[in-house]
Amino acid sequence: MIRPSLSTRPWLLGLLAGVASILATQSLLWPRWPAAAPIPAAAIGRALESAGFQAQPLRPLPAHRSFEHSTSPGIGFSIGQGETLRLSRGRVRERLTLQAALFAAADPGFKLQDRVLLAGPPPSALGRISGAPTRQTCLVLSSGGSGGFAVNGEDLLQLVEQQPRSRANRLAALIGLRQPLEYSCVLISASAPPSQGAISERRWQRLLSTLRKPLEHESQAPSPPRSEP
């Protein structure tokens, strides 16, 4: 096996620096559109059933995508007691636009009317969707266990930016192959029948605990890059 001599190594380093410069310029002139990865519906269904919830699938809601943000297809389940659950992952291109309300506004199936913020725990929003009392929050995922629930932009940013990053990811971000951090969260909505009040706080907390496990497990699995030109 022929190894590059010391005299050729500066040339190789220069080539790598040139490629990195081209990629960085490309990302500035033609920034990539954000692409939100789909929710693992089968894993969510199994987790719900294991926790004692019903898990009758509902018709999916469409994905939405623009230059500034995107949402994955909204999956849903009937979970018993006349209640419904819906989830969708949202992702933004610019960090300061990260808001649960931004993703919820993308589809009438998630958009809250008469929205009121609740301190929690967990931080949530309370409102109505087509007359149905609904609790809503957004889960920031982290393989290091530092994720959590939030609804407003400041809290979501804090959860995203405290995530541990590997050396490989930092290097990929430095040369423009990967966004430094993925500004995204999983929007979670639980609606009760219009004739009754919102899902109880205790049931809401149990539901979120049930959902968090398969979602965090999925976030730890290797996946292809989630941005496309």
Protein backbone atom coordinates (compact mmCIF):
# COMPACT_ATOMS: atom_id res chain seq x y z
CA MET A 1 0.00 0.00 0.00
CA ILE A 2 1.43 3.38 -1.05
CA ARG A 3 1.05 6.12 1.54
CA PRO A 4 1.05 9.81 0.60
CA SER A 5 4.41 11.41 1.36
CA LEU A 6 4.76 14.42 3.62
CA SER A 7 5.22 16.59 0.53
CA THR A 8 1.78 15.69 -0.78
CA ARG A 9 -0.08 16.19 2.49
CA PRO A 10 -0.20 20.00 2.22
CA TRP A 11 -1.73 19.56 -1.23
CA LEU A 12 -4.37 17.25 0.20
CA LEU A 13 -5.14 19.67 3.02
CA GLY A 14 -5.43 22.48 0.50
CA LEU A 15 -7.87 20.44 -1.57
CA LEU A 16 -10.01 19.72 1.47
CA ALA A 17 -9.99 23.38 2.42
CA GLY A 18 -11.06 24.31 -1.11
CA VAL A 19 -13.95 21.83 -1.06
CA ALA A 20 -15.06 23.13 2.34
CA SER A 21 -14.97 26.70 1.02
CA ILE A 22 -17.09 25.78 -2.01
CA LEU A 23 -19.64 23.97 0.16
CA ALA A 24 -19.84 26.87 2.60
CA THR A 25 -20.39 29.34 -0.26
CA GLN A 26 -23.07 27.09 -1.73
CA SER A 27 -24.90 26.93 1.62
CA LEU A 28 -24.98 30.74 1.73
CA LEU A 29 -26.06 31.30 -1.86
CA TRP A 30 -28.45 28.33 -2.14
CA PRO A 31 -29.50 27.40 1.42
CA ARG A 32 -31.18 24.04 1.78
CA TRP A 33 -34.86 23.74 2.53
CA PRO A 34 -35.59 22.16 5.91
CA ALA A 35 -37.01 18.63 5.75
CA ALA A 36 -38.80 17.13 8.75
CA ALA A 37 -38.38 13.38 9.21
CA PRO A 38 -41.56 11.26 9.59
CA ILE A 39 -42.83 10.03 12.94
CA PRO A 40 -42.43 6.23 13.55
CA ALA A 41 -46.16 5.42 13.63
CA ALA A 42 -45.79 1.68 14.25
CA ALA A 43 -43.50 2.21 17.26
CA ILE A 44 -45.86 4.84 18.68
CA GLY A 45 -48.82 2.49 18.32
CA ARG A 46 -47.02 -0.33 20.12
CA ALA A 47 -45.99 1.97 22.96
CA LEU A 48 -49.54 3.23 23.42
CA GLU A 49 -50.96 -0.28 23.59
CA SER A 50 -48.27 -1.40 26.04
CA ALA A 51 -49.18 1.52 28.31
CA GLY A 52 -52.88 0.64 28.29
CA PHE A 53 -54.07 3.22 25.76
CA GLN A 54 -56.05 2.31 22.69
CA ALA A 55 -54.17 2.85 19.44
CA GLN A 56 -56.67 2.89 16.59
CA PRO A 57 -54.94 4.65 13.67
CA LEU A 58 -56.52 7.78 12.20
CA ARG A 59 -56.16 9.12 8.68
CA PRO A 60 -52.78 10.89 8.33
CA LEU A 61 -52.63 14.66 7.87
CA PRO A 62 -50.53 16.00 4.97
CA ALA A 63 -46.95 17.17 5.30
CA HIS A 64 -46.13 20.82 4.63
CA ARG A 65 -42.93 22.33 3.36
CA SER A 66 -41.68 25.82 2.59
CA PHE A 67 -38.35 27.63 2.34
CA GLU A 68 -38.54 28.55 6.04
CA HIS A 69 -39.98 25.46 7.72
CA SER A 70 -41.50 22.03 7.18
CA THR A 71 -43.71 19.53 8.98
CA SER A 72 -43.87 15.76 8.56
CA PRO A 73 -47.14 13.92 7.83
CA GLY A 74 -49.33 14.09 10.93
CA ILE A 75 -50.04 10.66 12.37
CA GLY A 76 -52.99 10.06 14.68
CA PHE A 77 -54.67 7.54 16.97
CA SER A 78 -57.90 7.15 18.87
CA ILE A 79 -56.64 6.50 22.40
CA GLY A 80 -59.90 5.72 24.22
CA GLN A 81 -62.48 7.74 26.20
CA GLY A 82 -63.35 9.52 22.97
CA GLU A 83 -59.90 11.17 22.87
CA THR A 84 -57.60 11.52 19.87
CA LEU A 85 -53.84 11.93 19.64
CA ARG A 86 -51.89 13.52 16.79
CA LEU A 87 -48.15 13.97 16.24
CA SER A 88 -46.06 15.74 13.62
CA ARG A 89 -42.39 16.71 13.50
CA GLY A 90 -41.62 20.32 12.63
CA ARG A 91 -38.28 21.77 11.55
CA VAL A 92 -37.18 25.33 10.79
CA ARG A 93 -34.28 26.75 8.80
CA GLU A 94 -33.68 29.79 11.02
CA ARG A 95 -33.30 29.13 14.75
CA LEU A 96 -35.25 32.19 15.90
CA THR A 97 -38.40 31.01 14.12
CA LEU A 98 -38.68 27.82 16.18
CA GLN A 99 -42.17 27.86 17.73
CA ALA A 100 -44.75 25.16 18.43
CA ALA A 101 -47.45 27.54 17.18
CA LEU A 102 -45.67 27.86 13.82
CA PHE A 103 -45.90 24.11 13.19
CA ALA A 104 -49.48 23.93 14.51
CA ALA A 105 -50.59 26.68 12.13
CA ALA A 106 -49.50 24.58 9.12
CA ASP A 107 -52.61 22.35 9.31
CA PRO A 108 -56.16 22.84 10.66
CA GLY A 109 -55.81 19.48 12.41
CA PHE A 110 -53.22 21.03 14.74
CA LYS A 111 -54.13 24.73 14.84
CA LEU A 112 -55.43 25.82 18.25
CA GLN A 113 -58.17 28.39 18.68
CA ASP A 114 -58.38 30.41 21.93
CA ARG A 115 -54.82 29.32 22.72
CA VAL A 116 -53.62 29.74 26.32
CA LEU A 117 -50.14 28.84 27.58
CA LEU A 118 -49.80 26.67 30.69
CA ALA A 119 -46.60 26.62 32.73
CA GLY A 120 -46.91 22.90 33.42
CA PRO A 121 -45.10 20.71 34.04
CA PRO A 122 -44.85 20.02 31.25
CA PRO A 123 -45.18 23.40 29.49
CA SER A 124 -48.25 23.12 27.25
CA ALA A 125 -50.83 25.10 25.34
CA LEU A 126 -54.56 24.69 25.88
CA GLY A 127 -57.19 25.54 23.29
CA ARG A 128 -59.70 24.05 20.87
CA ILE A 129 -59.44 22.33 17.49
CA SER A 130 -62.80 22.21 15.68
CA GLY A 131 -64.46 22.74 19.06
CA ALA A 132 -62.58 19.89 20.77
CA PRO A 133 -60.66 20.84 23.96
CA THR A 134 -56.99 20.17 23.19
CA ARG A 135 -53.68 20.10 25.04
CA GLN A 136 -50.55 20.61 22.97
CA THR A 137 -46.79 20.66 23.48
CA CYS A 138 -43.58 20.06 21.50
CA LEU A 139 -40.87 17.53 22.36
CA VAL A 140 -37.22 18.29 21.59
CA LEU A 141 -35.39 15.00 21.14
CA SER A 142 -31.84 14.34 22.25
CA SER A 143 -29.84 11.13 22.27
CA GLY A 144 -28.07 12.46 25.37
CA GLY A 145 -31.27 12.68 27.40
CA SER A 146 -31.19 16.49 27.58
CA GLY A 147 -34.34 17.02 25.53
CA GLY A 148 -37.72 17.96 26.92
CA PHE A 149 -41.10 19.61 26.37
CA ALA A 150 -41.78 23.27 25.59
CA VAL A 151 -44.07 25.46 23.50
CA ASN A 152 -42.50 28.91 23.21
CA GLY A 153 -39.44 29.74 21.16
CA GLU A 154 -37.08 30.70 23.99
CA ASP A 155 -37.60 27.41 25.86
CA LEU A 156 -37.39 25.32 22.68
CA LEU A 157 -34.12 26.99 21.68
CA GLN A 158 -32.64 26.30 25.09
CA LEU A 159 -33.53 22.62 24.82
CA VAL A 160 -32.07 22.33 21.31
CA GLU A 161 -28.85 24.20 22.01
CA GLN A 162 -27.95 22.34 25.20
CA GLN A 163 -27.77 19.04 23.32
CA PRO A 164 -24.38 17.25 23.31
CA ARG A 165 -22.74 17.06 19.89
CA SER A 166 -20.22 14.51 18.71
CA ARG A 167 -16.87 15.52 17.26
CA ALA A 168 -17.90 14.13 13.87
CA ASN A 169 -21.07 16.25 13.81
CA ARG A 170 -19.16 19.38 14.79
CA LEU A 171 -16.64 18.76 12.01
CA ALA A 172 -19.40 18.15 9.44
CA ALA A 173 -21.07 21.39 10.49
CA LEU A 174 -17.77 23.28 10.24
CA ILE A 175 -17.21 22.34 6.58
CA GLY A 176 -20.84 22.84 5.62
CA LEU A 177 -21.94 19.22 5.23
CA ARG A 178 -24.45 19.40 8.08
CA GLN A 179 -26.48 22.08 9.82
CA PRO A 180 -24.76 22.78 13.18
CA LEU A 181 -27.95 21.87 15.07
CA GLU A 182 -31.35 20.63 13.93
CA TYR A 183 -33.97 23.10 15.11
CA SER A 184 -36.96 20.82 15.33
CA CYS A 185 -39.45 19.31 17.75
CA VAL A 186 -42.30 16.80 17.72
CA LEU A 187 -45.68 18.51 18.02
CA ILE A 188 -48.08 16.50 20.21
CA SER A 189 -51.82 17.21 20.44
CA ALA A 190 -54.42 15.37 22.52
CA SER A 191 -58.07 16.28 21.98
CA ALA A 192 -61.17 15.32 23.96
CA PRO A 193 -64.80 15.30 22.75
CA PRO A 194 -66.35 18.81 22.56
CA SER A 195 -68.93 17.78 25.17
CA GLN A 196 -66.30 17.28 27.89
CA GLY A 197 -63.25 19.10 29.23
CA ALA A 198 -59.67 18.70 28.09
CA ILE A 199 -57.75 15.51 28.80
CA SER A 200 -56.85 15.42 32.50
CA GLU A 201 -53.38 16.58 33.55
CA ARG A 202 -52.57 13.17 34.98
CA ARG A 203 -53.55 11.35 31.78
CA TRP A 204 -51.74 13.98 29.70
CA GLN A 205 -48.50 13.47 31.64
CA ARG A 206 -48.80 9.69 31.37
CA LEU A 207 -49.40 10.00 27.63
CA LEU A 208 -46.32 12.21 27.13
CA SER A 209 -44.16 9.83 29.16
CA THR A 210 -45.38 6.95 26.98
CA LEU A 211 -44.61 8.81 23.74
CA ARG A 212 -41.19 10.04 24.77
CA LYS A 213 -39.60 6.60 24.99
CA PRO A 214 -40.13 5.43 21.38
CA LEU A 215 -39.43 8.90 19.99
CA GLU A 216 -36.10 9.18 21.81
CA HIS A 217 -35.20 5.63 20.80
CA GLU A 218 -35.85 6.56 17.17
CA SER A 219 -33.71 9.70 17.49
CA GLN A 220 -30.72 7.59 18.60
CA ALA A 221 -30.87 5.35 15.52
CA PRO A 222 -28.54 6.20 12.60
CA SER A 223 -30.39 8.13 9.89
CA PRO A 224 -29.54 9.82 6.59
CA PRO A 225 -29.20 13.62 6.48
CA ARG A 226 -32.62 15.31 6.75
CA SER A 227 -31.93 18.35 4.60
CA GLU A 228 -32.40 18.35 0.86
CA PRO A 229 -31.42 20.93 -1.73
